[in-house]
N, C-alpha and C. Protein backbone atom coordinates (compact mmCIF):
# COMPACT_ATOMS: atom_id res chain seq x y z
N MET A 1 49.58 198.36 53.41
CA MET A 1 48.26 197.84 53.10
C MET A 1 47.99 196.60 53.95
N THR A 2 46.84 196.53 54.54
CA THR A 2 46.45 195.42 55.39
C THR A 2 45.85 194.31 54.54
N SER A 3 46.25 193.09 54.82
CA SER A 3 45.72 191.94 54.11
C SER A 3 44.31 191.64 54.60
N THR A 4 43.44 191.25 53.66
CA THR A 4 42.09 190.87 54.03
C THR A 4 41.97 189.35 54.22
N LEU A 5 43.09 188.65 54.02
CA LEU A 5 43.08 187.20 54.20
C LEU A 5 43.03 186.85 55.68
N PRO A 6 42.40 185.75 56.03
CA PRO A 6 42.46 185.31 57.42
C PRO A 6 43.92 185.03 57.80
N PRO A 7 44.28 185.23 59.05
CA PRO A 7 45.67 185.06 59.47
C PRO A 7 46.24 183.68 59.13
N TYR A 8 45.44 182.63 59.27
CA TYR A 8 45.95 181.28 59.00
C TYR A 8 46.24 181.09 57.52
N VAL A 9 45.49 181.74 56.63
CA VAL A 9 45.76 181.65 55.19
C VAL A 9 47.03 182.44 54.86
N ARG A 10 47.11 183.66 55.38
CA ARG A 10 48.29 184.49 55.12
C ARG A 10 49.56 183.79 55.60
N LEU A 11 49.52 183.24 56.80
CA LEU A 11 50.69 182.58 57.36
C LEU A 11 51.04 181.31 56.58
N ALA A 12 50.05 180.52 56.23
CA ALA A 12 50.31 179.30 55.44
C ALA A 12 50.95 179.67 54.10
N ASN A 13 50.46 180.72 53.46
CA ASN A 13 51.04 181.15 52.19
C ASN A 13 52.48 181.62 52.38
N GLU A 14 52.76 182.34 53.46
CA GLU A 14 54.12 182.81 53.73
C GLU A 14 55.06 181.62 53.98
N ILE A 15 54.59 180.63 54.68
CA ILE A 15 55.41 179.43 54.93
C ILE A 15 55.67 178.70 53.61
N ALA A 16 54.65 178.60 52.77
CA ALA A 16 54.81 177.91 51.48
C ALA A 16 55.89 178.57 50.63
N VAL A 17 55.98 179.88 50.67
CA VAL A 17 57.02 180.60 49.92
C VAL A 17 58.41 180.16 50.38
N GLN A 18 58.56 179.92 51.67
CA GLN A 18 59.86 179.52 52.22
C GLN A 18 60.29 178.14 51.75
N PHE A 19 59.34 177.33 51.30
CA PHE A 19 59.65 175.97 50.85
C PHE A 19 59.51 175.81 49.34
N ALA A 20 59.40 176.92 48.63
CA ALA A 20 59.17 176.89 47.18
C ALA A 20 60.31 176.22 46.41
N HIS A 21 61.50 176.16 47.00
CA HIS A 21 62.65 175.55 46.33
C HIS A 21 62.61 174.02 46.38
N ARG A 22 61.70 173.46 47.15
CA ARG A 22 61.60 172.01 47.29
C ARG A 22 60.50 171.46 46.39
N PRO A 23 60.59 170.19 46.04
CA PRO A 23 59.48 169.58 45.28
C PRO A 23 58.18 169.73 46.08
N PRO A 24 57.05 169.92 45.40
CA PRO A 24 55.79 170.18 46.11
C PRO A 24 55.42 169.16 47.19
N ALA A 25 55.58 167.89 46.92
CA ALA A 25 55.22 166.87 47.92
C ALA A 25 56.10 166.98 49.16
N ASP A 26 57.41 167.19 48.96
CA ASP A 26 58.32 167.35 50.09
C ASP A 26 58.02 168.63 50.86
N ALA A 27 57.75 169.71 50.13
CA ALA A 27 57.43 170.98 50.76
C ALA A 27 56.16 170.85 51.61
N ALA A 28 55.14 170.20 51.06
CA ALA A 28 53.89 170.05 51.79
C ALA A 28 54.08 169.26 53.08
N THR A 29 54.89 168.21 53.02
CA THR A 29 55.15 167.42 54.22
C THR A 29 55.89 168.25 55.26
N ALA A 30 56.88 169.01 54.84
CA ALA A 30 57.63 169.86 55.77
C ALA A 30 56.73 170.92 56.38
N ILE A 31 55.86 171.50 55.57
CA ILE A 31 54.95 172.52 56.07
C ILE A 31 53.96 171.91 57.06
N ALA A 32 53.41 170.76 56.73
CA ALA A 32 52.47 170.09 57.63
C ALA A 32 53.15 169.76 58.96
N ASN A 33 54.39 169.29 58.91
CA ASN A 33 55.12 168.99 60.15
C ASN A 33 55.34 170.24 60.98
N HIS A 34 55.66 171.35 60.31
CA HIS A 34 55.84 172.62 61.03
C HIS A 34 54.53 173.05 61.69
N MET A 35 53.45 172.99 60.93
CA MET A 35 52.15 173.39 61.47
C MET A 35 51.75 172.51 62.65
N LYS A 36 51.98 171.22 62.52
CA LYS A 36 51.64 170.28 63.60
C LYS A 36 52.39 170.64 64.88
N ALA A 37 53.66 171.01 64.73
CA ALA A 37 54.50 171.29 65.90
C ALA A 37 54.30 172.70 66.46
N ALA A 38 54.01 173.68 65.60
CA ALA A 38 54.08 175.06 66.05
C ALA A 38 52.75 175.82 66.08
N TRP A 39 51.78 175.37 65.34
CA TRP A 39 50.54 176.13 65.26
C TRP A 39 49.58 175.78 66.38
N ASP A 40 48.82 176.77 66.79
CA ASP A 40 47.74 176.59 67.75
C ASP A 40 46.68 175.67 67.12
N PRO A 41 46.11 174.77 67.90
CA PRO A 41 45.09 173.86 67.35
C PRO A 41 43.93 174.58 66.65
N ARG A 42 43.56 175.76 67.14
CA ARG A 42 42.47 176.50 66.50
C ARG A 42 42.85 176.95 65.09
N MET A 43 44.09 177.36 64.92
CA MET A 43 44.55 177.76 63.58
C MET A 43 44.59 176.56 62.65
N LYS A 44 45.05 175.43 63.16
CA LYS A 44 45.07 174.22 62.33
C LYS A 44 43.67 173.83 61.90
N ARG A 45 42.74 173.85 62.82
CA ARG A 45 41.35 173.50 62.49
C ARG A 45 40.76 174.48 61.47
N ALA A 46 41.06 175.75 61.64
CA ALA A 46 40.53 176.77 60.71
C ALA A 46 41.11 176.58 59.31
N LEU A 47 42.40 176.28 59.23
CA LEU A 47 43.02 176.07 57.92
C LEU A 47 42.45 174.82 57.25
N ILE A 48 42.29 173.76 58.00
CA ILE A 48 41.72 172.52 57.44
C ILE A 48 40.30 172.78 56.95
N ALA A 49 39.51 173.50 57.72
CA ALA A 49 38.14 173.83 57.31
C ALA A 49 38.15 174.70 56.05
N HIS A 50 39.10 175.61 55.97
CA HIS A 50 39.23 176.48 54.80
C HIS A 50 39.51 175.64 53.55
N VAL A 51 40.39 174.67 53.68
CA VAL A 51 40.71 173.79 52.55
C VAL A 51 39.49 172.96 52.17
N GLN A 52 38.80 172.45 53.14
CA GLN A 52 37.60 171.63 52.87
C GLN A 52 36.50 172.46 52.21
N ALA A 53 36.54 173.78 52.42
CA ALA A 53 35.54 174.67 51.82
C ALA A 53 35.96 175.18 50.45
N GLY A 54 37.15 174.79 49.98
CA GLY A 54 37.56 175.19 48.65
C GLY A 54 38.92 175.86 48.56
N ALA A 55 39.52 176.18 49.67
CA ALA A 55 40.90 176.71 49.74
C ALA A 55 41.10 177.99 48.94
N GLU A 56 40.15 178.88 48.99
CA GLU A 56 40.27 180.15 48.27
C GLU A 56 41.49 180.94 48.76
N ASN A 57 42.26 181.46 47.81
CA ASN A 57 43.44 182.30 48.08
C ASN A 57 44.56 181.58 48.83
N LEU A 58 44.58 180.27 48.78
CA LEU A 58 45.60 179.51 49.48
C LEU A 58 46.56 178.88 48.48
N ASP A 59 47.84 179.01 48.74
CA ASP A 59 48.87 178.40 47.90
C ASP A 59 48.58 176.90 47.79
N PRO A 60 48.69 176.34 46.58
CA PRO A 60 48.39 174.90 46.41
C PRO A 60 49.23 173.98 47.30
N VAL A 61 50.47 174.33 47.53
CA VAL A 61 51.32 173.50 48.40
C VAL A 61 50.85 173.63 49.85
N ALA A 62 50.44 174.81 50.26
CA ALA A 62 49.90 174.99 51.60
C ALA A 62 48.59 174.21 51.76
N ALA A 63 47.79 174.17 50.70
CA ALA A 63 46.55 173.39 50.74
C ALA A 63 46.86 171.90 50.89
N LEU A 64 47.86 171.43 50.16
CA LEU A 64 48.27 170.03 50.29
C LEU A 64 48.78 169.74 51.70
N ALA A 65 49.52 170.68 52.26
CA ALA A 65 50.00 170.53 53.64
C ALA A 65 48.83 170.43 54.61
N ALA A 66 47.82 171.24 54.41
CA ALA A 66 46.65 171.20 55.29
C ALA A 66 45.92 169.87 55.17
N GLN A 67 45.85 169.34 53.95
CA GLN A 67 45.24 168.02 53.77
C GLN A 67 46.02 166.95 54.52
N GLN A 68 47.35 167.04 54.46
CA GLN A 68 48.17 166.09 55.21
C GLN A 68 47.97 166.26 56.70
N LEU A 69 47.90 167.51 57.13
CA LEU A 69 47.71 167.81 58.55
C LEU A 69 46.39 167.22 59.05
N ALA A 70 45.39 167.23 58.23
CA ALA A 70 44.08 166.70 58.61
C ALA A 70 44.11 165.20 58.86
N THR A 71 45.08 164.51 58.25
CA THR A 71 45.15 163.06 58.40
C THR A 71 46.19 162.63 59.43
N GLN A 72 46.90 163.56 60.03
CA GLN A 72 47.94 163.21 61.01
C GLN A 72 47.35 163.02 62.38
């Protein structure tokens, strides 16, 4: 089955699952650092815009990471 989520949402959610064992604030910081280092600027901008629009279907920790990414 193909996901109807935008790629940046799907990927952010997948990354958040990998950090689920960590406290949310620590996980969000680690995710934001990963996105800053590895993601294409267009994907980062799209994810930040998605969060600013309400973060539909986005893991809460991934949303927090995107908020941190927006301020870095």
